[in-house]
Amino acid sequence: MTDIPTHHMVYGHCCDYITGEKLVDTDDERIRQQLARYMVEEQGWEKQDIEMRLRIETLFNQQFVTSKITMVLSLDGARCLMLRYGPGSLVTRERPALAAARVLSERAQVPLVVVTNGVDAELLDTITGKVISTGMSSVPSRAKVKKMVSELCFDPYDGRKREAELRILNAFDVEVCCAGGPCALPGVKEG
């Protein structure tokens, strides 16, 4: 194990299942990699249709925050499903995940969002904010999304409300850990 003064267990490095990129191997990264394998090997998504580790940066009230998106899955070039992983309670992950799906691109919202802690999951409708289904079985396969695509709304998010969603991301995703500062490991790329 790498000796870095942090509360994260670091096991060395791992290889990203989707991109082949070298990443810091932590407990959270292992769960993200399991989710990526699940989406490809069991849910039928193609690796080339999955974007990993996207970020949305916000600055409000002198607080700079980088919001991390575990993966975004596309169907025929359209981003249709966002997955955000985080340990702990799912209900606390819902609102910032919806905000991220609404503002990731100014051209179109990501219509479906999954929040998961690696054990449980919720599928949310980005437009209404409602939970569609719960449990890991609610994580939609490529085939299921393909059947749903004609009913999904990809419209851009209302520009007047966009700043409010960015503020929500900034407030919910600020990282202050038990060590008193940001959780990022010094000088390394982390999921």
Protein backbone atom coordinates (compact mmCIF):
# COMPACT_ATOMS: atom_id res chain seq x y z
CA MET A 1 0.00 0.00 0.00
CA THR A 2 1.07 3.55 -0.71
CA ASP A 3 1.89 5.57 2.40
CA ILE A 4 -0.02 8.84 1.95
CA PRO A 5 -1.36 10.67 5.01
CA THR A 6 -5.08 10.28 4.31
CA HIS A 7 -8.05 8.28 5.50
CA HIS A 8 -8.40 6.60 2.09
CA MET A 9 -7.00 3.09 1.79
CA VAL A 10 -4.69 3.17 -1.22
CA TYR A 11 -3.70 -0.19 -2.66
CA GLY A 12 -1.47 1.11 -5.44
CA HIS A 13 -2.80 1.57 -8.96
CA CYS A 14 -5.39 -0.08 -11.15
CA CYS A 15 -6.32 0.05 -14.81
CA ASP A 16 -9.62 1.61 -15.81
CA TYR A 17 -11.89 -1.04 -17.37
CA ILE A 18 -13.32 1.38 -19.96
CA THR A 19 -10.39 3.64 -20.90
CA GLY A 20 -7.32 1.61 -19.89
CA GLU A 21 -6.09 4.64 -17.94
CA LYS A 22 -3.94 4.16 -14.82
CA LEU A 23 -5.84 5.18 -11.65
CA VAL A 24 -5.25 5.22 -7.91
CA ASP A 25 -6.62 1.95 -6.50
CA THR A 26 -8.98 2.74 -3.61
CA ASP A 27 -12.06 1.03 -2.23
CA ASP A 28 -14.27 3.55 -4.04
CA GLU A 29 -12.39 3.08 -7.31
CA ARG A 30 -12.85 -0.67 -7.06
CA ILE A 31 -16.61 -0.17 -6.82
CA ARG A 32 -16.58 2.23 -9.80
CA GLN A 33 -14.69 -0.39 -11.82
CA GLN A 34 -17.22 -3.08 -10.81
CA LEU A 35 -20.01 -0.78 -11.99
CA ALA A 36 -18.26 -0.23 -15.33
CA ARG A 37 -17.89 -4.00 -15.82
CA TYR A 38 -21.53 -4.51 -14.86
CA MET A 39 -22.70 -1.96 -17.43
CA VAL A 40 -20.72 -3.63 -20.23
CA GLU A 41 -20.76 -7.33 -19.36
CA GLU A 42 -24.25 -7.65 -17.90
CA GLN A 43 -26.20 -4.64 -19.15
CA GLY A 44 -25.00 -4.74 -22.76
CA TRP A 45 -23.48 -1.26 -23.09
CA GLU A 46 -20.53 -0.79 -25.46
CA LYS A 47 -17.29 0.57 -24.01
CA GLN A 48 -17.12 3.23 -26.71
CA ASP A 49 -20.53 4.54 -25.58
CA ILE A 50 -19.35 5.16 -22.00
CA GLU A 51 -17.65 8.36 -20.85
CA MET A 52 -15.85 7.99 -17.53
CA ARG A 53 -15.01 10.58 -14.86
CA LEU A 54 -16.65 13.66 -16.35
CA ARG A 55 -16.53 16.81 -14.25
CA ILE A 56 -18.55 19.95 -13.81
CA GLU A 57 -16.72 22.88 -12.21
CA THR A 58 -18.54 25.60 -10.29
CA LEU A 59 -17.50 28.71 -8.40
CA PHE A 60 -19.98 30.45 -6.11
CA ASN A 61 -19.31 32.52 -2.98
CA GLN A 62 -15.57 31.96 -3.40
CA GLN A 63 -16.12 28.18 -3.16
CA PHE A 64 -14.64 26.28 -6.14
CA VAL A 65 -16.11 22.78 -6.46
CA THR A 66 -15.47 19.99 -8.94
CA SER A 67 -18.51 17.71 -9.23
CA LYS A 68 -17.58 14.22 -10.37
CA ILE A 69 -19.75 12.09 -12.62
CA THR A 70 -18.89 8.40 -12.54
CA MET A 71 -20.08 7.64 -16.07
CA VAL A 72 -22.35 8.85 -18.83
CA LEU A 73 -23.75 6.34 -21.30
CA SER A 74 -24.79 7.23 -24.83
CA LEU A 75 -27.05 5.59 -27.35
CA ASP A 76 -26.53 6.48 -31.02
CA GLY A 77 -24.43 9.47 -29.96
CA ALA A 78 -26.98 10.92 -27.52
CA ARG A 79 -26.17 10.98 -23.82
CA CYS A 80 -29.12 9.17 -22.27
CA LEU A 81 -28.01 7.81 -18.89
CA MET A 82 -25.82 9.28 -16.15
CA LEU A 83 -24.53 7.17 -13.29
CA ARG A 84 -23.20 8.73 -10.09
CA TYR A 85 -21.61 6.57 -7.43
CA GLY A 86 -21.14 7.60 -3.83
CA PRO A 87 -20.94 5.63 -0.59
CA GLY A 88 -23.78 5.89 1.89
CA SER A 89 -27.36 7.04 1.57
CA LEU A 90 -28.91 7.28 -1.89
CA VAL A 91 -31.49 9.91 -1.00
CA THR A 92 -28.72 12.45 -0.31
CA ARG A 93 -27.30 11.76 -3.78
CA GLU A 94 -30.54 12.35 -5.71
CA ARG A 95 -30.63 16.16 -5.90
CA PRO A 96 -27.04 16.78 -6.99
CA ALA A 97 -27.28 13.94 -9.53
CA LEU A 98 -30.37 15.54 -11.06
CA ALA A 99 -28.61 18.92 -11.16
CA ALA A 100 -25.60 17.37 -12.91
CA ALA A 101 -27.80 15.67 -15.51
CA ARG A 102 -29.57 18.94 -16.21
CA VAL A 103 -26.43 21.06 -16.71
CA LEU A 104 -23.72 18.70 -18.00
CA SER A 105 -24.34 20.02 -21.50
CA GLU A 106 -26.06 23.23 -22.55
CA ARG A 107 -27.36 21.44 -25.67
CA ALA A 108 -29.33 18.66 -23.98
CA GLN A 109 -30.15 17.17 -20.60
CA VAL A 110 -29.23 13.59 -19.78
CA PRO A 111 -32.79 12.21 -19.34
CA LEU A 112 -32.07 9.31 -16.96
CA VAL A 113 -29.94 9.27 -13.82
CA VAL A 114 -28.81 6.40 -11.62
CA VAL A 115 -27.53 7.07 -8.12
CA THR A 116 -25.82 4.12 -6.50
CA ASN A 117 -23.65 3.18 -3.56
CA GLY A 118 -22.59 -0.03 -5.30
CA VAL A 119 -25.08 -2.14 -3.32
CA ASP A 120 -28.34 -0.31 -3.96
CA ALA A 121 -29.50 2.04 -6.72
CA GLU A 122 -32.26 4.38 -7.79
CA LEU A 123 -33.25 5.30 -11.34
CA LEU A 124 -34.48 8.90 -11.63
CA ASP A 125 -36.27 10.86 -14.35
CA THR A 126 -34.24 14.04 -14.90
CA ILE A 127 -37.23 16.09 -16.06
CA THR A 128 -39.57 15.33 -13.15
CA GLY A 129 -36.95 14.46 -10.51
CA LYS A 130 -39.03 11.41 -9.57
CA VAL A 131 -37.60 8.02 -8.64
CA ILE A 132 -38.68 5.59 -11.39
CA SER A 133 -37.44 2.41 -9.74
CA THR A 134 -35.14 1.18 -6.96
CA GLY A 135 -32.62 -1.61 -6.45
CA MET A 136 -29.65 -2.64 -8.56
CA SER A 137 -32.11 -4.25 -10.99
CA SER A 138 -33.36 -0.71 -11.77
CA VAL A 139 -30.07 0.14 -13.50
CA PRO A 140 -31.23 0.02 -17.13
CA SER A 141 -29.65 -2.17 -19.73
CA ARG A 142 -28.80 -0.82 -23.17
CA ALA A 143 -31.78 -2.74 -24.59
CA LYS A 144 -34.16 -1.20 -22.04
CA VAL A 145 -32.96 2.34 -22.76
CA LYS A 146 -33.24 1.68 -26.49
CA LYS A 147 -36.92 0.80 -25.97
CA MET A 148 -37.44 3.94 -23.85
CA VAL A 149 -35.52 6.41 -26.05
CA SER A 150 -38.55 7.65 -28.01
CA GLU A 151 -40.21 8.67 -24.71
CA LEU A 152 -37.15 10.42 -23.24
CA CYS A 153 -36.76 14.19 -23.23
CA PHE A 154 -33.37 15.49 -24.37
CA ASP A 155 -34.38 19.17 -24.44
CA PRO A 156 -31.86 21.68 -23.09
CA TYR A 157 -32.44 22.73 -19.50
CA ASP A 158 -34.13 26.12 -19.07
CA GLY A 159 -31.28 28.63 -19.25
CA ARG A 160 -32.83 30.86 -16.57
CA LYS A 161 -32.79 27.95 -14.10
CA ARG A 162 -29.33 26.70 -15.07
CA GLU A 163 -27.46 28.82 -12.51
CA ALA A 164 -29.67 27.48 -9.72
CA GLU A 165 -28.73 23.90 -10.67
CA LEU A 166 -25.05 24.84 -10.77
CA ARG A 167 -25.40 26.36 -7.29
CA ILE A 168 -26.99 23.12 -6.07
CA LEU A 169 -24.00 21.17 -7.38
CA ASN A 170 -21.63 23.61 -5.72
CA ALA A 171 -23.37 23.27 -2.35
CA PHE A 172 -23.90 19.51 -2.37
CA ASP A 173 -20.57 18.43 -3.86
CA VAL A 174 -18.12 20.47 -1.80
CA GLU A 175 -15.69 17.94 -0.31
CA VAL A 176 -14.61 18.49 3.24
CA CYS A 177 -13.62 15.26 4.90
CA CYS A 178 -12.87 14.18 8.43
CA ALA A 179 -9.26 15.28 7.92
CA GLY A 180 -10.49 18.89 7.59
CA GLY A 181 -9.86 19.50 3.90
CA PRO A 182 -10.58 18.15 0.43
CA CYS A 183 -10.35 14.38 0.05
CA ALA A 184 -8.22 14.39 -3.10
CA LEU A 185 -4.93 12.55 -2.88
CA PRO A 186 -1.95 14.79 -3.59
CA GLY A 187 -0.80 14.79 -7.22
CA VAL A 188 -2.85 11.84 -8.48
CA LYS A 189 -5.88 11.39 -10.68
CA GLU A 190 -8.75 10.06 -8.61
CA GLY A 191 -12.25 8.97 -9.74
